[in-house]
All heavy atoms as atom14 arrays in JSON, in Angstrom:
{
  "sequence": "DLQSVLSTLRDAQLRKDIVLFMSAYSLTFPGLDDKRAKT",
  "atom14_mask": [
    [1, 1, 1, 1, 1, 1, 1, 1, 0, 0, 0, 0, 0, 0],
    [1, 1, 1, 1, 1, 1, 1, 1, 0, 0, 0, 0, 0, 0],
    [1, 1, 1, 1, 1, 1, 1, 1, 1, 0, 0, 0, 0, 0],
    [1, 1, 1, 1, 1, 1, 0, 0, 0, 0, 0, 0, 0, 0],
    [1, 1, 1, 1, 1, 1, 1, 0, 0, 0, 0, 0, 0, 0],
    [1, 1, 1, 1, 1, 1, 1, 1, 0, 0, 0, 0, 0, 0],
    [1, 1, 1, 1, 1, 1, 0, 0, 0, 0, 0, 0, 0, 0],
    [1, 1, 1, 1, 1, 1, 1, 0, 0, 0, 0, 0, 0, 0],
    [1, 1, 1, 1, 1, 1, 1, 1, 0, 0, 0, 0, 0, 0],
    [1, 1, 1, 1, 1, 1, 1, 1, 1, 1, 1, 0, 0, 0],
    [1, 1, 1, 1, 1, 1, 1, 1, 0, 0, 0, 0, 0, 0],
    [1, 1, 1, 1, 1, 0, 0, 0, 0, 0, 0, 0, 0, 0],
    [1, 1, 1, 1, 1, 1, 1, 1, 1, 0, 0, 0, 0, 0],
    [1, 1, 1, 1, 1, 1, 1, 1, 0, 0, 0, 0, 0, 0],
    [1, 1, 1, 1, 1, 1, 1, 1, 1, 1, 1, 0, 0, 0],
    [1, 1, 1, 1, 1, 1, 1, 1, 1, 0, 0, 0, 0, 0],
    [1, 1, 1, 1, 1, 1, 1, 1, 0, 0, 0, 0, 0, 0],
    [1, 1, 1, 1, 1, 1, 1, 1, 0, 0, 0, 0, 0, 0],
    [1, 1, 1, 1, 1, 1, 1, 0, 0, 0, 0, 0, 0, 0],
    [1, 1, 1, 1, 1, 1, 1, 1, 0, 0, 0, 0, 0, 0],
    [1, 1, 1, 1, 1, 1, 1, 1, 1, 1, 1, 0, 0, 0],
    [1, 1, 1, 1, 1, 1, 1, 1, 0, 0, 0, 0, 0, 0],
    [1, 1, 1, 1, 1, 1, 0, 0, 0, 0, 0, 0, 0, 0],
    [1, 1, 1, 1, 1, 0, 0, 0, 0, 0, 0, 0, 0, 0],
    [1, 1, 1, 1, 1, 1, 1, 1, 1, 1, 1, 1, 0, 0],
    [1, 1, 1, 1, 1, 1, 0, 0, 0, 0, 0, 0, 0, 0],
    [1, 1, 1, 1, 1, 1, 1, 1, 0, 0, 0, 0, 0, 0],
    [1, 1, 1, 1, 1, 1, 1, 0, 0, 0, 0, 0, 0, 0],
    [1, 1, 1, 1, 1, 1, 1, 1, 1, 1, 1, 0, 0, 0],
    [1, 1, 1, 1, 1, 1, 1, 0, 0, 0, 0, 0, 0, 0],
    [1, 1, 1, 1, 0, 0, 0, 0, 0, 0, 0, 0, 0, 0],
    [1, 1, 1, 1, 1, 1, 1, 1, 0, 0, 0, 0, 0, 0],
    [1, 1, 1, 1, 1, 1, 1, 1, 0, 0, 0, 0, 0, 0],
    [1, 1, 1, 1, 1, 1, 1, 1, 0, 0, 0, 0, 0, 0],
    [1, 1, 1, 1, 1, 1, 1, 1, 1, 0, 0, 0, 0, 0],
    [1, 1, 1, 1, 1, 1, 1, 1, 1, 1, 1, 0, 0, 0],
    [1, 1, 1, 1, 1, 0, 0, 0, 0, 0, 0, 0, 0, 0],
    [1, 1, 1, 1, 1, 1, 1, 1, 1, 0, 0, 0, 0, 0],
    [1, 1, 1, 1, 1, 1, 1, 0, 0, 0, 0, 0, 0, 0]
  ],
  "atom14_positions": [
    [[81.01, -14.74, 5.06], [80.23, -13.87, 4.21], [79.08, -14.57, 3.58], [77.85, -14.08, 3.55], [81.07, -13.23, 3.15], [82.08, -12.32, 3.73], [81.9, -11.82, 4.87], [83.1, -12.09, 3.02], [0.0, 0.0, 0.0], [0.0, 0.0, 0.0], [0.0, 0.0, 0.0], [0.0, 0.0, 0.0], [0.0, 0.0, 0.0], [0.0, 0.0, 0.0]],
    [[79.29, -15.78, 2.98], [78.15, -16.5, 2.41], [77.15, -16.94, 3.52], [75.9, -16.94, 3.21], [78.73, -17.72, 1.66], [79.81, -17.46, 0.58], [80.17, -18.72, -0.19], [79.33, -16.39, -0.32], [0.0, 0.0, 0.0], [0.0, 0.0, 0.0], [0.0, 0.0, 0.0], [0.0, 0.0, 0.0], [0.0, 0.0, 0.0], [0.0, 0.0, 0.0]],
    [[77.65, -17.4, 4.61], [76.69, -17.73, 5.71], [75.77, -16.53, 6.11], [74.62, -16.71, 6.49], [77.45, -18.21, 6.96], [78.01, -19.67, 6.74], [78.81, -20.07, 7.89], [79.36, -19.33, 8.7], [79.04, -21.43, 8.0], [0.0, 0.0, 0.0], [0.0, 0.0, 0.0], [0.0, 0.0, 0.0], [0.0, 0.0, 0.0], [0.0, 0.0, 0.0]],
    [[76.36, -15.42, 6.05], [75.53, -14.13, 6.41], [74.48, -13.93, 5.43], [73.33, -13.55, 5.77], [76.56, -12.93, 6.44], [75.78, -11.8, 6.64], [0.0, 0.0, 0.0], [0.0, 0.0, 0.0], [0.0, 0.0, 0.0], [0.0, 0.0, 0.0], [0.0, 0.0, 0.0], [0.0, 0.0, 0.0], [0.0, 0.0, 0.0], [0.0, 0.0, 0.0]],
    [[74.64, -14.19, 4.1], [73.6, -14.04, 3.08], [72.53, -15.09, 3.38], [71.4, -14.68, 3.3], [74.23, -14.24, 1.71], [73.09, -14.22, 0.67], [75.33, -13.19, 1.38], [0.0, 0.0, 0.0], [0.0, 0.0, 0.0], [0.0, 0.0, 0.0], [0.0, 0.0, 0.0], [0.0, 0.0, 0.0], [0.0, 0.0, 0.0], [0.0, 0.0, 0.0]],
    [[72.9, -16.36, 3.6], [71.94, -17.39, 3.96], [71.21, -17.11, 5.2], [69.98, -17.39, 5.37], [72.61, -18.7, 3.96], [73.26, -19.1, 2.7], [74.01, -20.39, 2.9], [72.29, -19.27, 1.51], [0.0, 0.0, 0.0], [0.0, 0.0, 0.0], [0.0, 0.0, 0.0], [0.0, 0.0, 0.0], [0.0, 0.0, 0.0], [0.0, 0.0, 0.0]],
    [[71.76, -16.52, 6.18], [71.06, -16.2, 7.49], [70.06, -15.05, 7.23], [68.99, -15.12, 7.76], [72.19, -15.66, 8.52], [73.06, -16.63, 8.88], [0.0, 0.0, 0.0], [0.0, 0.0, 0.0], [0.0, 0.0, 0.0], [0.0, 0.0, 0.0], [0.0, 0.0, 0.0], [0.0, 0.0, 0.0], [0.0, 0.0, 0.0], [0.0, 0.0, 0.0]],
    [[70.35, -14.18, 6.38], [69.24, -13.12, 5.94], [68.11, -13.75, 5.23], [66.93, -13.52, 5.57], [69.95, -12.12, 4.98], [71.02, -11.47, 5.65], [68.97, -11.0, 4.59], [0.0, 0.0, 0.0], [0.0, 0.0, 0.0], [0.0, 0.0, 0.0], [0.0, 0.0, 0.0], [0.0, 0.0, 0.0], [0.0, 0.0, 0.0], [0.0, 0.0, 0.0]],
    [[68.36, -14.78, 4.44], [67.32, -15.5, 3.7], [66.53, -16.32, 4.69], [65.24, -16.42, 4.49], [67.95, -16.44, 2.6], [67.14, -16.92, 1.52], [66.57, -15.75, 0.63], [67.85, -17.83, 0.67], [0.0, 0.0, 0.0], [0.0, 0.0, 0.0], [0.0, 0.0, 0.0], [0.0, 0.0, 0.0], [0.0, 0.0, 0.0], [0.0, 0.0, 0.0]],
    [[67.19, -16.91, 5.7], [66.44, -17.7, 6.68], [65.63, -16.81, 7.56], [64.34, -16.96, 7.78], [67.39, -18.45, 7.46], [66.67, -19.27, 8.69], [67.67, -19.71, 9.69], [68.42, -18.59, 10.18], [69.65, -18.71, 10.88], [70.2, -19.8, 11.12], [70.12, -17.63, 11.43], [0.0, 0.0, 0.0], [0.0, 0.0, 0.0], [0.0, 0.0, 0.0]],
    [[66.03, -15.67, 7.97], [65.25, -14.72, 8.78], [64.01, -14.22, 8.06], [62.96, -14.09, 8.58], [66.04, -13.55, 9.33], [67.11, -14.11, 10.22], [67.08, -15.13, 10.75], [68.22, -13.32, 10.45], [0.0, 0.0, 0.0], [0.0, 0.0, 0.0], [0.0, 0.0, 0.0], [0.0, 0.0, 0.0], [0.0, 0.0, 0.0], [0.0, 0.0, 0.0]],
    [[64.31, -13.87, 6.79], [63.11, -13.39, 5.99], [61.95, -14.38, 5.72], [60.82, -14.18, 5.73], [63.66, -13.03, 4.58], [0.0, 0.0, 0.0], [0.0, 0.0, 0.0], [0.0, 0.0, 0.0], [0.0, 0.0, 0.0], [0.0, 0.0, 0.0], [0.0, 0.0, 0.0], [0.0, 0.0, 0.0], [0.0, 0.0, 0.0], [0.0, 0.0, 0.0]],
    [[62.35, -15.68, 5.64], [61.44, -16.75, 5.5], [60.62, -16.96, 6.86], [59.44, -17.08, 6.73], [62.2, -18.11, 5.17], [62.84, -18.19, 3.81], [61.83, -18.75, 2.78], [60.67, -18.42, 2.83], [62.38, -19.46, 1.78], [0.0, 0.0, 0.0], [0.0, 0.0, 0.0], [0.0, 0.0, 0.0], [0.0, 0.0, 0.0], [0.0, 0.0, 0.0]],
    [[61.32, -16.9, 7.98], [60.64, -17.06, 9.29], [59.77, -15.99, 9.53], [58.66, -16.02, 10.12], [61.66, -17.33, 10.31], [62.52, -18.53, 10.21], [63.57, -18.56, 11.37], [61.6, -19.74, 10.45], [0.0, 0.0, 0.0], [0.0, 0.0, 0.0], [0.0, 0.0, 0.0], [0.0, 0.0, 0.0], [0.0, 0.0, 0.0], [0.0, 0.0, 0.0]],
    [[60.08, -14.72, 9.17], [59.33, -13.51, 9.42], [58.46, -13.12, 8.27], [57.57, -12.2, 8.3], [60.34, -12.36, 9.74], [61.06, -12.47, 11.04], [62.27, -11.63, 10.95], [62.05, -10.23, 10.65], [63.13, -9.34, 10.4], [64.39, -9.72, 10.61], [62.82, -8.12, 10.12], [0.0, 0.0, 0.0], [0.0, 0.0, 0.0], [0.0, 0.0, 0.0]],
    [[58.52, -13.79, 7.19], [57.71, -13.52, 5.95], [57.92, -12.12, 5.56], [56.94, -11.33, 5.25], [56.32, -13.86, 6.11], [55.96, -15.38, 6.36], [54.61, -15.72, 6.52], [54.36, -17.22, 6.61], [53.03, -17.62, 6.67], [0.0, 0.0, 0.0], [0.0, 0.0, 0.0], [0.0, 0.0, 0.0], [0.0, 0.0, 0.0], [0.0, 0.0, 0.0]],
    [[59.17, -11.77, 5.47], [59.48, -10.3, 5.0], [59.94, -10.38, 3.58], [61.11, -10.75, 3.33], [60.5, -9.75, 5.99], [60.9, -8.24, 5.78], [60.53, -7.77, 4.55], [61.42, -7.63, 6.67], [0.0, 0.0, 0.0], [0.0, 0.0, 0.0], [0.0, 0.0, 0.0], [0.0, 0.0, 0.0], [0.0, 0.0, 0.0], [0.0, 0.0, 0.0]],
    [[59.21, -9.98, 2.67], [59.57, -10.21, 1.21], [60.7, -9.22, 0.82], [61.57, -9.52, -0.07], [58.23, -9.97, 0.31], [58.57, -10.43, -1.06], [57.77, -8.57, 0.36], [58.89, -11.85, -1.18], [0.0, 0.0, 0.0], [0.0, 0.0, 0.0], [0.0, 0.0, 0.0], [0.0, 0.0, 0.0], [0.0, 0.0, 0.0], [0.0, 0.0, 0.0]],
    [[60.64, -7.92, 1.43], [61.73, -7.02, 1.12], [63.09, -7.49, 1.48], [64.07, -7.55, 0.81], [61.51, -5.66, 1.78], [62.64, -4.66, 1.51], [60.12, -5.09, 1.16], [0.0, 0.0, 0.0], [0.0, 0.0, 0.0], [0.0, 0.0, 0.0], [0.0, 0.0, 0.0], [0.0, 0.0, 0.0], [0.0, 0.0, 0.0], [0.0, 0.0, 0.0]],
    [[63.11, -8.08, 2.72], [64.45, -8.7, 3.27], [64.8, -9.94, 2.41], [66.0, -10.07, 2.27], [64.29, -9.0, 4.75], [65.5, -9.6, 5.42], [66.58, -8.57, 5.5], [65.14, -10.04, 6.95], [0.0, 0.0, 0.0], [0.0, 0.0, 0.0], [0.0, 0.0, 0.0], [0.0, 0.0, 0.0], [0.0, 0.0, 0.0], [0.0, 0.0, 0.0]],
    [[63.76, -10.68, 2.05], [64.02, -11.95, 1.23], [64.66, -11.59, -0.04], [65.59, -12.22, -0.41], [62.67, -12.6, 1.07], [62.82, -13.93, 0.4], [63.21, -15.06, 0.95], [62.58, -14.01, -1.01], [63.34, -16.31, 0.31], [62.69, -15.21, -1.78], [63.03, -16.37, -1.11], [0.0, 0.0, 0.0], [0.0, 0.0, 0.0], [0.0, 0.0, 0.0]],
    [[64.13, -10.56, -0.7], [64.65, -10.31, -2.1], [66.02, -9.6, -2.02], [66.81, -9.54, -2.94], [63.65, -9.36, -2.83], [62.31, -10.09, -3.1], [62.39, -11.68, -3.88], [63.15, -11.2, -5.53], [0.0, 0.0, 0.0], [0.0, 0.0, 0.0], [0.0, 0.0, 0.0], [0.0, 0.0, 0.0], [0.0, 0.0, 0.0], [0.0, 0.0, 0.0]],
    [[66.35, -8.9, -0.79], [67.6, -8.29, -0.81], [68.85, -9.31, -0.82], [69.98, -8.93, -0.98], [67.72, -7.56, 0.63], [67.78, -8.39, 1.68], [0.0, 0.0, 0.0], [0.0, 0.0, 0.0], [0.0, 0.0, 0.0], [0.0, 0.0, 0.0], [0.0, 0.0, 0.0], [0.0, 0.0, 0.0], [0.0, 0.0, 0.0], [0.0, 0.0, 0.0]],
    [[68.52, -10.66, -0.49], [69.6, -11.66, -0.69], [69.85, -12.08, -2.02], [70.87, -12.76, -2.23], [69.25, -12.82, 0.2], [0.0, 0.0, 0.0], [0.0, 0.0, 0.0], [0.0, 0.0, 0.0], [0.0, 0.0, 0.0], [0.0, 0.0, 0.0], [0.0, 0.0, 0.0], [0.0, 0.0, 0.0], [0.0, 0.0, 0.0], [0.0, 0.0, 0.0]],
    [[69.0, -11.67, -3.15], [69.26, -12.05, -4.45], [69.76, -10.95, -5.19], [69.49, -9.7, -5.08], [67.93, -12.59, -4.92], [67.43, -13.84, -4.46], [66.69, -13.9, -3.28], [67.82, -15.05, -5.15], [66.24, -15.19, -2.7], [67.31, -16.36, -4.66], [66.55, -16.32, -3.4], [66.12, -17.5, -2.89], [0.0, 0.0, 0.0], [0.0, 0.0, 0.0]],
    [[70.58, -11.19, -6.23], [71.14, -10.29, -7.14], [70.24, -9.71, -8.13], [69.17, -10.39, -8.26], [72.32, -10.95, -7.97], [72.77, -10.2, -9.06], [0.0, 0.0, 0.0], [0.0, 0.0, 0.0], [0.0, 0.0, 0.0], [0.0, 0.0, 0.0], [0.0, 0.0, 0.0], [0.0, 0.0, 0.0], [0.0, 0.0, 0.0], [0.0, 0.0, 0.0]],
    [[70.32, -8.44, -8.47], [69.39, -7.84, -9.45], [69.39, -8.59, -10.76], [68.49, -8.4, -11.58], [69.78, -6.43, -9.66], [69.57, -5.5, -8.42], [70.09, -4.15, -8.72], [68.19, -5.59, -7.79], [0.0, 0.0, 0.0], [0.0, 0.0, 0.0], [0.0, 0.0, 0.0], [0.0, 0.0, 0.0], [0.0, 0.0, 0.0], [0.0, 0.0, 0.0]],
    [[70.4, -9.46, -11.09], [70.45, -10.16, -12.3], [70.08, -11.61, -12.11], [70.39, -12.51, -12.92], [71.96, -10.02, -12.83], [72.9, -10.59, -11.94], [72.35, -8.67, -13.08], [0.0, 0.0, 0.0], [0.0, 0.0, 0.0], [0.0, 0.0, 0.0], [0.0, 0.0, 0.0], [0.0, 0.0, 0.0], [0.0, 0.0, 0.0], [0.0, 0.0, 0.0]],
    [[69.55, -12.03, -11.0], [69.1, -13.32, -10.74], [68.04, -13.72, -11.8], [66.98, -12.97, -12.11], [68.42, -13.46, -9.31], [68.03, -14.82, -8.99], [68.98, -15.68, -8.48], [66.7, -15.24, -9.19], [68.61, -17.06, -8.1], [66.31, -16.52, -8.82], [67.27, -17.52, -8.24], [0.0, 0.0, 0.0], [0.0, 0.0, 0.0], [0.0, 0.0, 0.0]],
    [[68.08, -14.87, -12.47], [67.1, -15.2, -13.6], [65.74, -15.31, -12.92], [65.67, -16.14, -11.87], [67.69, -16.59, -14.02], [69.21, -16.68, -13.65], [69.2, -15.88, -12.37], [0.0, 0.0, 0.0], [0.0, 0.0, 0.0], [0.0, 0.0, 0.0], [0.0, 0.0, 0.0], [0.0, 0.0, 0.0], [0.0, 0.0, 0.0], [0.0, 0.0, 0.0]],
    [[64.68, -14.86, -13.57], [63.29, -14.87, -13.03], [63.13, -14.3, -11.63], [62.56, -14.95, -10.8], [0.0, 0.0, 0.0], [0.0, 0.0, 0.0], [0.0, 0.0, 0.0], [0.0, 0.0, 0.0], [0.0, 0.0, 0.0], [0.0, 0.0, 0.0], [0.0, 0.0, 0.0], [0.0, 0.0, 0.0], [0.0, 0.0, 0.0], [0.0, 0.0, 0.0]],
    [[63.7, -13.07, -11.49], [63.67, -12.45, -10.18], [62.19, -12.11, -9.8], [61.84, -12.37, -8.7], [64.53, -11.11, -10.12], [64.69, -10.44, -8.87], [65.38, -11.4, -7.93], [65.41, -9.16, -8.99], [0.0, 0.0, 0.0], [0.0, 0.0, 0.0], [0.0, 0.0, 0.0], [0.0, 0.0, 0.0], [0.0, 0.0, 0.0], [0.0, 0.0, 0.0]],
    [[61.46, -11.51, -10.69], [60.01, -11.23, -10.38], [59.22, -12.5, -10.1], [58.36, -12.53, -9.21], [59.35, -10.46, -11.63], [60.05, -9.17, -11.62], [60.6, -8.58, -10.75], [59.96, -8.62, -12.81], [0.0, 0.0, 0.0], [0.0, 0.0, 0.0], [0.0, 0.0, 0.0], [0.0, 0.0, 0.0], [0.0, 0.0, 0.0], [0.0, 0.0, 0.0]],
    [[59.43, -13.59, -10.89], [58.76, -14.89, -10.7], [59.15, -15.43, -9.27], [58.27, -16.06, -8.67], [59.18, -15.81, -11.81], [58.27, -17.11, -11.8], [57.05, -16.97, -11.63], [58.87, -18.14, -11.9], [0.0, 0.0, 0.0], [0.0, 0.0, 0.0], [0.0, 0.0, 0.0], [0.0, 0.0, 0.0], [0.0, 0.0, 0.0], [0.0, 0.0, 0.0]],
    [[60.35, -15.23, -8.93], [60.81, -15.72, -7.56], [60.05, -15.05, -6.45], [59.6, -15.61, -5.47], [62.32, -15.44, -7.41], [62.88, -15.98, -6.1], [62.94, -17.57, -6.16], [63.6, -18.06, -4.87], [63.63, -19.58, -4.8], [0.0, 0.0, 0.0], [0.0, 0.0, 0.0], [0.0, 0.0, 0.0], [0.0, 0.0, 0.0], [0.0, 0.0, 0.0]],
    [[59.88, -13.73, -6.7], [59.06, -12.98, -5.64], [57.59, -13.46, -5.5], [57.09, -13.66, -4.49], [59.08, -11.46, -6.0], [58.35, -10.58, -5.01], [58.21, -9.19, -5.69], [59.43, -8.61, -6.11], [60.12, -7.75, -5.26], [59.57, -7.43, -4.11], [61.2, -7.18, -5.66], [0.0, 0.0, 0.0], [0.0, 0.0, 0.0], [0.0, 0.0, 0.0]],
    [[57.04, -13.68, -6.7], [55.63, -14.09, -6.8], [55.43, -15.43, -6.09], [54.44, -15.69, -5.32], [55.03, -13.99, -8.1], [0.0, 0.0, 0.0], [0.0, 0.0, 0.0], [0.0, 0.0, 0.0], [0.0, 0.0, 0.0], [0.0, 0.0, 0.0], [0.0, 0.0, 0.0], [0.0, 0.0, 0.0], [0.0, 0.0, 0.0], [0.0, 0.0, 0.0]],
    [[56.27, -16.44, -6.41], [56.12, -17.7, -5.81], [56.41, -17.77, -4.44], [55.6, -18.58, -3.68], [57.09, -18.63, -6.66], [56.75, -19.06, -8.08], [57.72, -20.03, -8.66], [57.34, -20.29, -10.01], [58.22, -21.29, -10.66], [0.0, 0.0, 0.0], [0.0, 0.0, 0.0], [0.0, 0.0, 0.0], [0.0, 0.0, 0.0], [0.0, 0.0, 0.0]],
    [[57.29, -16.99, -3.9], [57.61, -16.91, -2.51], [56.4, -16.4, -1.68], [56.0, -17.01, -0.63], [58.88, -16.21, -2.22], [59.83, -16.74, -2.95], [59.17, -16.14, -0.72], [0.0, 0.0, 0.0], [0.0, 0.0, 0.0], [0.0, 0.0, 0.0], [0.0, 0.0, 0.0], [0.0, 0.0, 0.0], [0.0, 0.0, 0.0], [0.0, 0.0, 0.0]]
  ]
}
């Protein structure tokens, strides 16, 4: 299950898909909006 989350994160980085990238993070992740902007 954890490898599946990280695979989603890797595919989003390679495709530069910000929606798919943010779906791997919890809504309570600290600095969620800042993470989106930096990525």
